[in-house]
PDB file of N, CA and C in Angstrom:
ATOM      1  N   MET A   1     -32.424  -8.460 -14.723  1.00  0.00           N
ATOM      2  CA  MET A   1     -33.045  -9.934 -14.704  1.00  0.00           C
ATOM      3  C   MET A   1     -34.462  -9.765 -14.818  1.00  0.00           C
ATOM      4  N   LEU A   2     -35.250  -9.192 -13.980  1.00  0.00           N
ATOM      5  CA  LEU A   2     -36.601  -9.158 -14.127  1.00  0.00           C
ATOM      6  C   LEU A   2     -37.186  -8.612 -15.357  1.00  0.00           C
ATOM      7  N   ALA A   3     -36.432  -7.531 -15.805  1.00  0.00           N
ATOM      8  CA  ALA A   3     -36.876  -6.950 -17.508  1.00  0.00           C
ATOM      9  C   ALA A   3     -36.704  -8.233 -18.309  1.00  0.00           C
ATOM     10  N   LEU A   4     -35.783  -9.016 -18.256  1.00  0.00           N
ATOM     11  CA  LEU A   4     -35.632 -10.080 -19.251  1.00  0.00           C
ATOM     12  C   LEU A   4     -36.688 -11.152 -19.083  1.00  0.00           C
ATOM     13  N   LEU A   5     -37.096 -11.476 -17.827  1.00  0.00           N
ATOM     14  CA  LEU A   5     -38.142 -12.160 -17.759  1.00  0.00           C
ATOM     15  C   LEU A   5     -39.323 -11.878 -18.113  1.00  0.00           C
ATOM     16  N   ARG A   6     -39.753 -10.524 -17.888  1.00  0.00           N
ATOM     17  CA  ARG A   6     -40.934  -9.916 -18.503  1.00  0.00           C
ATOM     18  C   ARG A   6     -40.998  -9.927 -19.996  1.00  0.00           C
ATOM     19  N   THR A   7     -39.695  -9.651 -20.454  1.00  0.00           N
ATOM     20  CA  THR A   7     -39.614  -9.744 -22.115  1.00  0.00           C
ATOM     21  C   THR A   7     -39.956 -11.096 -22.680  1.00  0.00           C
ATOM     22  N   ILE A   8     -39.562 -12.175 -21.976  1.00  0.00           N
ATOM     23  CA  ILE A   8     -39.866 -13.443 -22.625  1.00  0.00           C
ATOM     24  C   ILE A   8     -41.345 -13.895 -22.461  1.00  0.00           C
ATOM     25  N   ARG A   9     -42.076 -13.100 -21.663  1.00  0.00           N
ATOM     26  CA  ARG A   9     -43.494 -13.413 -21.255  1.00  0.00           C
ATOM     27  C   ARG A   9     -43.788 -14.773 -20.920  1.00  0.00           C
ATOM     28  N   PRO A  10     -43.467 -15.286 -19.705  1.00  0.00           N
ATOM     29  CA  PRO A  10     -44.032 -16.557 -19.146  1.00  0.00           C
ATOM     30  C   PRO A  10     -45.393 -16.702 -19.127  1.00  0.00           C
ATOM     31  N   ARG A  11     -46.083 -15.509 -18.820  1.00  0.00           N
ATOM     32  CA  ARG A  11     -47.560 -15.565 -18.495  1.00  0.00           C
ATOM     33  C   ARG A  11     -48.254 -16.082 -19.900  1.00  0.00           C
ATOM     34  N   GLN A  12     -47.658 -15.865 -21.001  1.00  0.00           N
ATOM     35  CA  GLN A  12     -48.127 -16.475 -22.227  1.00  0.00           C
ATOM     36  C   GLN A  12     -47.782 -18.008 -22.604  1.00  0.00           C
ATOM     37  N   TRP A  13     -47.041 -18.522 -21.746  1.00  0.00           N
ATOM     38  CA  TRP A  13     -46.602 -19.997 -22.018  1.00  0.00           C
ATOM     39  C   TRP A  13     -47.614 -20.932 -21.593  1.00  0.00           C
ATOM     40  N   VAL A  14     -48.704 -20.473 -20.971  1.00  0.00           N
ATOM     41  CA  VAL A  14     -49.860 -21.505 -20.666  1.00  0.00           C
ATOM     42  C   VAL A  14     -50.249 -22.159 -21.747  1.00  0.00           C
ATOM     43  N   LYS A  15     -50.452 -21.619 -22.984  1.00  0.00           N
ATOM     44  CA  LYS A  15     -50.753 -22.201 -24.063  1.00  0.00           C
ATOM     45  C   LYS A  15     -49.867 -23.243 -24.556  1.00  0.00           C
ATOM     46  N   ASN A  16     -48.618 -23.181 -24.305  1.00  0.00           N
ATOM     47  CA  ASN A  16     -47.671 -24.285 -24.586  1.00  0.00           C
ATOM     48  C   ASN A  16     -47.714 -25.566 -23.792  1.00  0.00           C
ATOM     49  N   VAL A  17     -48.740 -25.560 -22.903  1.00  0.00           N
ATOM     50  CA  VAL A  17     -48.888 -26.858 -22.281  1.00  0.00           C
ATOM     51  C   VAL A  17     -49.544 -27.911 -23.270  1.00  0.00           C
ATOM     52  N   PHE A  18     -50.093 -27.332 -24.363  1.00  0.00           N
ATOM     53  CA  PHE A  18     -50.801 -28.066 -25.280  1.00  0.00           C
ATOM     54  C   PHE A  18     -49.847 -28.992 -26.056  1.00  0.00           C
ATOM     55  N   VAL A  19     -48.470 -28.599 -26.064  1.00  0.00           N
ATOM     56  CA  VAL A  19     -47.545 -29.439 -26.645  1.00  0.00           C
ATOM     57  C   VAL A  19     -47.493 -30.858 -25.799  1.00  0.00           C
ATOM     58  N   ALA A  20     -47.940 -30.915 -24.648  1.00  0.00           N
ATOM     59  CA  ALA A  20     -48.047 -32.051 -23.660  1.00  0.00           C
ATOM     60  C   ALA A  20     -49.288 -33.110 -24.198  1.00  0.00           C
ATOM     61  N   ALA A  21     -50.384 -32.461 -24.842  1.00  0.00           N
ATOM     62  CA  ALA A  21     -51.519 -33.234 -25.042  1.00  0.00           C
ATOM     63  C   ALA A  21     -51.260 -34.709 -25.509  1.00  0.00           C
ATOM     64  N   PRO A  22     -50.262 -34.806 -26.611  1.00  0.00           N
ATOM     65  CA  PRO A  22     -50.105 -36.284 -27.084  1.00  0.00           C
ATOM     66  C   PRO A  22     -49.885 -37.368 -26.015  1.00  0.00           C
ATOM     67  N   VAL A  23     -49.307 -36.938 -25.047  1.00  0.00           N
ATOM     68  CA  VAL A  23     -48.739 -38.052 -23.973  1.00  0.00           C
ATOM     69  C   VAL A  23     -50.163 -38.166 -23.175  1.00  0.00           C
ATOM     70  N   VAL A  24     -50.907 -37.204 -23.018  1.00  0.00           N
ATOM     71  CA  VAL A  24     -52.351 -37.592 -22.330  1.00  0.00           C
ATOM     72  C   VAL A  24     -53.241 -38.345 -23.070  1.00  0.00           C
ATOM     73  N   PHE A  25     -53.225 -37.940 -24.440  1.00  0.00           N
ATOM     74  CA  PHE A  25     -54.215 -38.908 -25.312  1.00  0.00           C
ATOM     75  C   PHE A  25     -53.570 -40.278 -25.741  1.00  0.00           C
ATOM     76  N   SER A  26     -52.088 -40.306 -25.684  1.00  0.00           N
ATOM     77  CA  SER A  26     -51.719 -41.665 -25.961  1.00  0.00           C
ATOM     78  C   SER A  26     -51.764 -42.600 -24.787  1.00  0.00           C
ATOM     79  N   ARG A  27     -52.257 -42.208 -23.482  1.00  0.00           N
ATOM     80  CA  ARG A  27     -52.333 -43.120 -22.513  1.00  0.00           C
ATOM     81  C   ARG A  27     -50.948 -43.394 -21.860  1.00  0.00           C
ATOM     82  N   HIS A  28     -49.957 -42.759 -22.025  1.00  0.00           N
ATOM     83  CA  HIS A  28     -48.592 -42.858 -21.491  1.00  0.00           C
ATOM     84  C   HIS A  28     -48.311 -42.068 -20.169  1.00  0.00           C
ATOM     85  N   LEU A  29     -49.276 -41.738 -19.456  1.00  0.00           N
ATOM     86  CA  LEU A  29     -49.225 -40.833 -18.356  1.00  0.00           C
ATOM     87  C   LEU A  29     -48.187 -41.563 -17.210  1.00  0.00           C
ATOM     88  N   GLU A  30     -48.086 -42.847 -17.242  1.00  0.00           N
ATOM     89  CA  GLU A  30     -47.525 -43.640 -16.243  1.00  0.00           C
ATOM     90  C   GLU A  30     -46.043 -43.937 -16.762  1.00  0.00           C
ATOM     91  N   ASP A  31     -45.755 -43.637 -17.768  1.00  0.00           N
ATOM     92  CA  ASP A  31     -44.620 -44.146 -18.519  1.00  0.00           C
ATOM     93  C   ASP A  31     -43.469 -42.845 -18.267  1.00  0.00           C
ATOM     94  N   HIS A  32     -42.616 -43.009 -17.443  1.00  0.00           N
ATOM     95  CA  HIS A  32     -41.708 -41.895 -17.088  1.00  0.00           C
ATOM     96  C   HIS A  32     -40.794 -41.510 -18.122  1.00  0.00           C
ATOM     97  N   ALA A  33     -40.486 -42.268 -19.288  1.00  0.00           N
ATOM     98  CA  ALA A  33     -39.794 -41.995 -20.337  1.00  0.00           C
ATOM     99  C   ALA A  33     -40.473 -40.892 -21.196  1.00  0.00           C
ATOM    100  N   TYR A  34     -41.854 -41.200 -21.419  1.00  0.00           N
ATOM    101  CA  TYR A  34     -42.719 -40.323 -22.257  1.00  0.00           C
ATOM    102  C   TYR A  34     -43.012 -39.098 -21.467  1.00  0.00           C
ATOM    103  N   LEU A  35     -42.995 -39.099 -20.001  1.00  0.00           N
ATOM    104  CA  LEU A  35     -43.092 -37.958 -19.409  1.00  0.00           C
ATOM    105  C   LEU A  35     -41.910 -37.038 -19.561  1.00  0.00           C
ATOM    106  N   ALA A  36     -40.876 -37.741 -19.483  1.00  0.00           N
ATOM    107  CA  ALA A  36     -39.467 -36.912 -19.347  1.00  0.00           C
ATOM    108  C   ALA A  36     -39.396 -36.182 -20.745  1.00  0.00           C
ATOM    109  N   ARG A  37     -39.840 -37.055 -21.797  1.00  0.00           N
ATOM    110  CA  ARG A  37     -39.560 -36.353 -23.053  1.00  0.00           C
ATOM    111  C   ARG A  37     -40.542 -35.137 -23.254  1.00  0.00           C
ATOM    112  N   GLU A  38     -41.812 -35.336 -22.908  1.00  0.00           N
ATOM    113  CA  GLU A  38     -42.744 -34.529 -22.897  1.00  0.00           C
ATOM    114  C   GLU A  38     -42.307 -33.205 -22.203  1.00  0.00           C
ATOM    115  N   ALA A  39     -42.039 -33.286 -21.031  1.00  0.00           N
ATOM    116  CA  ALA A  39     -41.469 -32.221 -20.108  1.00  0.00           C
ATOM    117  C   ALA A  39     -40.299 -31.544 -20.913  1.00  0.00           C
ATOM    118  N   LEU A  40     -39.485 -31.980 -21.476  1.00  0.00           N
ATOM    119  CA  LEU A  40     -38.179 -31.378 -22.215  1.00  0.00           C
ATOM    120  C   LEU A  40     -38.900 -30.651 -23.346  1.00  0.00           C
ATOM    121  N   ALA A  41     -39.885 -31.385 -24.147  1.00  0.00           N
ATOM    122  CA  ALA A  41     -40.596 -30.615 -25.280  1.00  0.00           C
ATOM    123  C   ALA A  41     -41.251 -29.382 -24.838  1.00  0.00           C
ATOM    124  N   VAL A  42     -41.966 -29.382 -23.543  1.00  0.00           N
ATOM    125  CA  VAL A  42     -42.743 -28.199 -23.178  1.00  0.00           C
ATOM    126  C   VAL A  42     -41.595 -27.173 -22.788  1.00  0.00           C
ATOM    127  N   LEU A  43     -40.490 -27.391 -22.104  1.00  0.00           N
ATOM    128  CA  LEU A  43     -39.553 -26.682 -21.806  1.00  0.00           C
ATOM    129  C   LEU A  43     -38.810 -25.920 -23.071  1.00  0.00           C
ATOM    130  N   ALA A  44     -38.677 -26.561 -24.037  1.00  0.00           N
ATOM    131  CA  ALA A  44     -37.946 -26.308 -25.403  1.00  0.00           C
ATOM    132  C   ALA A  44     -38.870 -25.326 -26.031  1.00  0.00           C
ATOM    133  N   PHE A  45     -40.263 -25.782 -25.971  1.00  0.00           N
ATOM    134  CA  PHE A  45     -41.221 -24.837 -26.785  1.00  0.00           C
ATOM    135  C   PHE A  45     -41.494 -23.521 -26.126  1.00  0.00           C
ATOM    136  N   CYS A  46     -41.277 -23.591 -24.712  1.00  0.00           N
ATOM    137  CA  CYS A  46     -41.486 -22.277 -23.951  1.00  0.00           C
ATOM    138  C   CYS A  46     -40.245 -21.483 -24.228  1.00  0.00           C
ATOM    139  N   LEU A  47     -39.147 -21.915 -24.095  1.00  0.00           N
ATOM    140  CA  LEU A  47     -37.818 -21.336 -24.353  1.00  0.00           C
ATOM    141  C   LEU A  47     -37.826 -20.841 -25.783  1.00  0.00           C
ATOM    142  N   LEU A  48     -38.279 -21.442 -26.727  1.00  0.00           N
ATOM    143  CA  LEU A  48     -38.298 -21.067 -28.130  1.00  0.00           C
ATOM    144  C   LEU A  48     -39.323 -19.761 -28.291  1.00  0.00           C
ATOM    145  N   SER A  49     -40.423 -20.009 -27.566  1.00  0.00           N
ATOM    146  CA  SER A  49     -41.463 -18.817 -27.773  1.00  0.00           C
ATOM    147  C   SER A  49     -40.900 -17.679 -27.195  1.00  0.00           C
ATOM    148  N   GLY A  50     -40.171 -17.540 -26.085  1.00  0.00           N
ATOM    149  CA  GLY A  50     -39.575 -16.670 -25.277  1.00  0.00           C
ATOM    150  C   GLY A  50     -38.626 -15.871 -26.278  1.00  0.00           C
ATOM    151  N   ALA A  51     -37.844 -16.658 -26.942  1.00  0.00           N
ATOM    152  CA  ALA A  51     -36.801 -16.122 -27.819  1.00  0.00           C
ATOM    153  C   ALA A  51     -37.404 -15.439 -29.009  1.00  0.00           C
ATOM    154  N   VAL A  52     -38.459 -15.929 -29.557  1.00  0.00           N
ATOM    155  CA  VAL A  52     -39.188 -15.135 -30.574  1.00  0.00           C
ATOM    156  C   VAL A  52     -39.750 -13.986 -29.957  1.00  0.00           C
ATOM    157  N   TYR A  53     -40.174 -14.019 -28.792  1.00  0.00           N
ATOM    158  CA  TYR A  53     -40.802 -12.645 -28.202  1.00  0.00           C
ATOM    159  C   TYR A  53     -39.616 -11.632 -28.177  1.00  0.00           C
ATOM    160  N   LEU A  54     -38.575 -11.937 -27.865  1.00  0.00           N
ATOM    161  CA  LEU A  54     -37.333 -11.255 -27.699  1.00  0.00           C
ATOM    162  C   LEU A  54     -36.823 -10.600 -29.064  1.00  0.00           C
ATOM    163  N   PHE A  55     -36.779 -11.564 -30.006  1.00  0.00           N
ATOM    164  CA  PHE A  55     -36.659 -11.243 -31.450  1.00  0.00           C
ATOM    165  C   PHE A  55     -37.558 -10.171 -32.011  1.00  0.00           C
ATOM    166  N   ASN A  56     -38.897 -10.359 -31.781  1.00  0.00           N
ATOM    167  CA  ASN A  56     -39.796  -9.456 -32.316  1.00  0.00           C
ATOM    168  C   ASN A  56     -39.696  -8.133 -31.459  1.00  0.00           C
ATOM    169  N   ASP A  57     -39.536  -8.201 -30.234  1.00  0.00           N
ATOM    170  CA  ASP A  57     -39.416  -6.930 -29.704  1.00  0.00           C
ATOM    171  C   ASP A  57     -38.088  -6.041 -29.999  1.00  0.00           C
ATOM    172  N   VAL A  58     -37.193  -6.521 -30.371  1.00  0.00           N
ATOM    173  CA  VAL A  58     -35.827  -6.157 -30.868  1.00  0.00           C
ATOM    174  C   VAL A  58     -36.136  -5.602 -32.088  1.00  0.00           C
ATOM    175  N   ASN A  59     -36.863  -6.295 -32.997  1.00  0.00           N
ATOM    176  CA  ASN A  59     -37.171  -5.778 -34.476  1.00  0.00           C
ATOM    177  C   ASN A  59     -38.095  -4.668 -34.589  1.00  0.00           C
ATOM    178  N   ASP A  60     -38.973  -4.614 -33.655  1.00  0.00           N
ATOM    179  CA  ASP A  60     -40.040  -3.563 -33.448  1.00  0.00           C
ATOM    180  C   ASP A  60     -39.841  -2.510 -32.455  1.00  0.00           C
ATOM    181  N   VAL A  61     -38.780  -2.383 -31.945  1.00  0.00           N
ATOM    182  CA  VAL A  61     -38.367  -1.371 -30.939  1.00  0.00           C
ATOM    183  C   VAL A  61     -39.045   0.058 -31.371  1.00  0.00           C
ATOM    184  N   ALA A  62     -38.764   0.408 -32.539  1.00  0.00           N
ATOM    185  CA  ALA A  62     -39.033   1.762 -32.932  1.00  0.00           C
ATOM    186  C   ALA A  62     -40.697   1.935 -32.759  1.00  0.00           C
ATOM    187  N   ALA A  63     -41.362   0.838 -33.460  1.00  0.00           N
ATOM    188  CA  ALA A  63     -42.694   1.102 -33.507  1.00  0.00           C
ATOM    189  C   ALA A  63     -43.491   0.908 -32.066  1.00  0.00           C
ATOM    190  N   ASP A  64     -42.779   0.019 -31.270  1.00  0.00           N
ATOM    191  CA  ASP A  64     -43.325  -0.278 -29.901  1.00  0.00           C
ATOM    192  C   ASP A  64     -43.031   1.042 -29.259  1.00  0.00           C
ATOM    193  N   ARG A  65     -42.317   1.912 -29.372  1.00  0.00           N
ATOM    194  CA  ARG A  65     -41.929   3.159 -28.403  1.00  0.00           C
ATOM    195  C   ARG A  65     -43.056   3.891 -28.624  1.00  0.00           C
ATOM    196  N   LEU A  66     -43.740   3.949 -30.008  1.00  0.00           N
ATOM    197  CA  LEU A  66     -44.862   4.764 -30.216  1.00  0.00           C
ATOM    198  C   LEU A  66     -46.217   4.180 -29.859  1.00  0.00           C
ATOM    199  N   HIS A  67     -46.315   3.091 -29.727  1.00  0.00           N
ATOM    200  CA  HIS A  67     -47.548   2.358 -29.267  1.00  0.00           C
ATOM    201  C   HIS A  67     -47.962   2.700 -27.943  1.00  0.00           C
ATOM    202  N   PRO A  68     -49.285   2.753 -27.508  1.00  0.00           N
ATOM    203  CA  PRO A  68     -49.679   3.292 -26.079  1.00  0.00           C
ATOM    204  C   PRO A  68     -49.363   2.165 -25.103  1.00  0.00           C
ATOM    205  N   THR A  69     -49.418   0.803 -25.483  1.00  0.00           N
ATOM    206  CA  THR A  69     -49.459  -0.163 -24.447  1.00  0.00           C
ATOM    207  C   THR A  69     -47.836  -0.897 -24.437  1.00  0.00           C
ATOM    208  N   LYS A  70     -47.443  -1.084 -25.869  1.00  0.00           N
ATOM    209  CA  LYS A  70     -46.312  -1.630 -26.155  1.00  0.00           C
ATOM    210  C   LYS A  70     -44.990  -0.879 -25.677  1.00  0.00           C
ATOM    211  N   LYS A  71     -45.234   0.413 -25.399  1.00  0.00           N
ATOM    212  CA  LYS A  71     -44.067   1.371 -25.142  1.00  0.00           C
ATOM    213  C   LYS A  71     -43.653   1.102 -23.635  1.00  0.00           C
ATOM    214  N   HIS A  72     -44.426   0.277 -22.794  1.00  0.00           N
ATOM    215  CA  HIS A  72     -44.068  -0.122 -21.590  1.00  0.00           C
ATOM    216  C   HIS A  72     -43.172  -1.498 -21.482  1.00  0.00           C
ATOM    217  N   ARG A  73     -43.080  -2.128 -22.765  1.00  0.00           N
ATOM    218  CA  ARG A  73     -42.242  -3.246 -22.664  1.00  0.00           C
ATOM    219  C   ARG A  73     -40.773  -3.006 -22.428  1.00  0.00           C
ATOM    220  N   PRO A  74     -39.990  -3.854 -21.678  1.00  0.00           N
ATOM    221  CA  PRO A  74     -38.693  -3.570 -21.203  1.00  0.00           C
ATOM    222  C   PRO A  74     -37.862  -3.101 -22.462  1.00  0.00           C
ATOM    223  N   ILE A  75     -37.838  -3.734 -23.622  1.00  0.00           N
ATOM    224  CA  ILE A  75     -36.815  -3.204 -24.731  1.00  0.00           C
ATOM    225  C   ILE A  75     -37.349  -1.590 -25.023  1.00  0.00           C
ATOM    226  N   ALA A  76     -38.440  -1.697 -25.262  1.00  0.00           N
ATOM    227  CA  ALA A  76     -39.071  -0.295 -25.864  1.00  0.00           C
ATOM    228  C   ALA A  76     -38.930   0.853 -24.720  1.00  0.00           C
ATOM    229  N   ALA A  77     -39.133   0.378 -23.590  1.00  0.00           N
ATOM    230  CA  ALA A  77     -38.823   1.331 -22.422  1.00  0.00           C
ATOM    231  C   ALA A  77     -37.369   1.657 -22.085  1.00  0.00           C
ATOM    232  N   GLY A  78     -36.529   1.011 -22.785  1.00  0.00           N
ATOM    233  CA  GLY A  78     -35.168   1.230 -22.328  1.00  0.00           C
ATOM    234  C   GLY A  78     -34.525   0.563 -21.039  1.00  0.00           C
ATOM    235  N   GLU A  79     -35.316  -0.508 -20.330  1.00  0.00           N
ATOM    236  CA  GLU A  79     -35.153  -1.030 -19.333  1.00  0.00           C
ATOM    237  C   GLU A  79     -34.060  -2.282 -19.612  1.00  0.00           C
ATOM    238  N   LEU A  80     -34.039  -2.695 -21.002  1.00  0.00           N
ATOM    239  CA  LEU A  80     -33.157  -3.745 -21.390  1.00  0.00           C
ATOM    240  C   LEU A  80     -32.848  -3.484 -22.706  1.00  0.00           C
ATOM    241  N   SER A  81     -31.310  -3.352 -22.686  1.00  0.00           N
ATOM    242  CA  SER A  81     -30.704  -3.184 -23.967  1.00  0.00           C
ATOM    243  C   SER A  81     -30.796  -3.964 -25.207  1.00  0.00           C
TER     244      SER A  81
END
């Protein structure tokens, strides 16, 4: 489970918070309906980006195994099949 979590790279999700910028600039911070939709959008974007990381790691596993730093990623290292 930890290997899967490392593979979807949650530390990279910080930039996904920019998806929430429209609710800030539209001045709807006190509107719970807007906040709920923004939270759902941020969550969906984070899960989608995690899926893209997984897809990329599976497709590039052979090259990643030869790379000096990427070889430590869970799929390339054989921790996650």
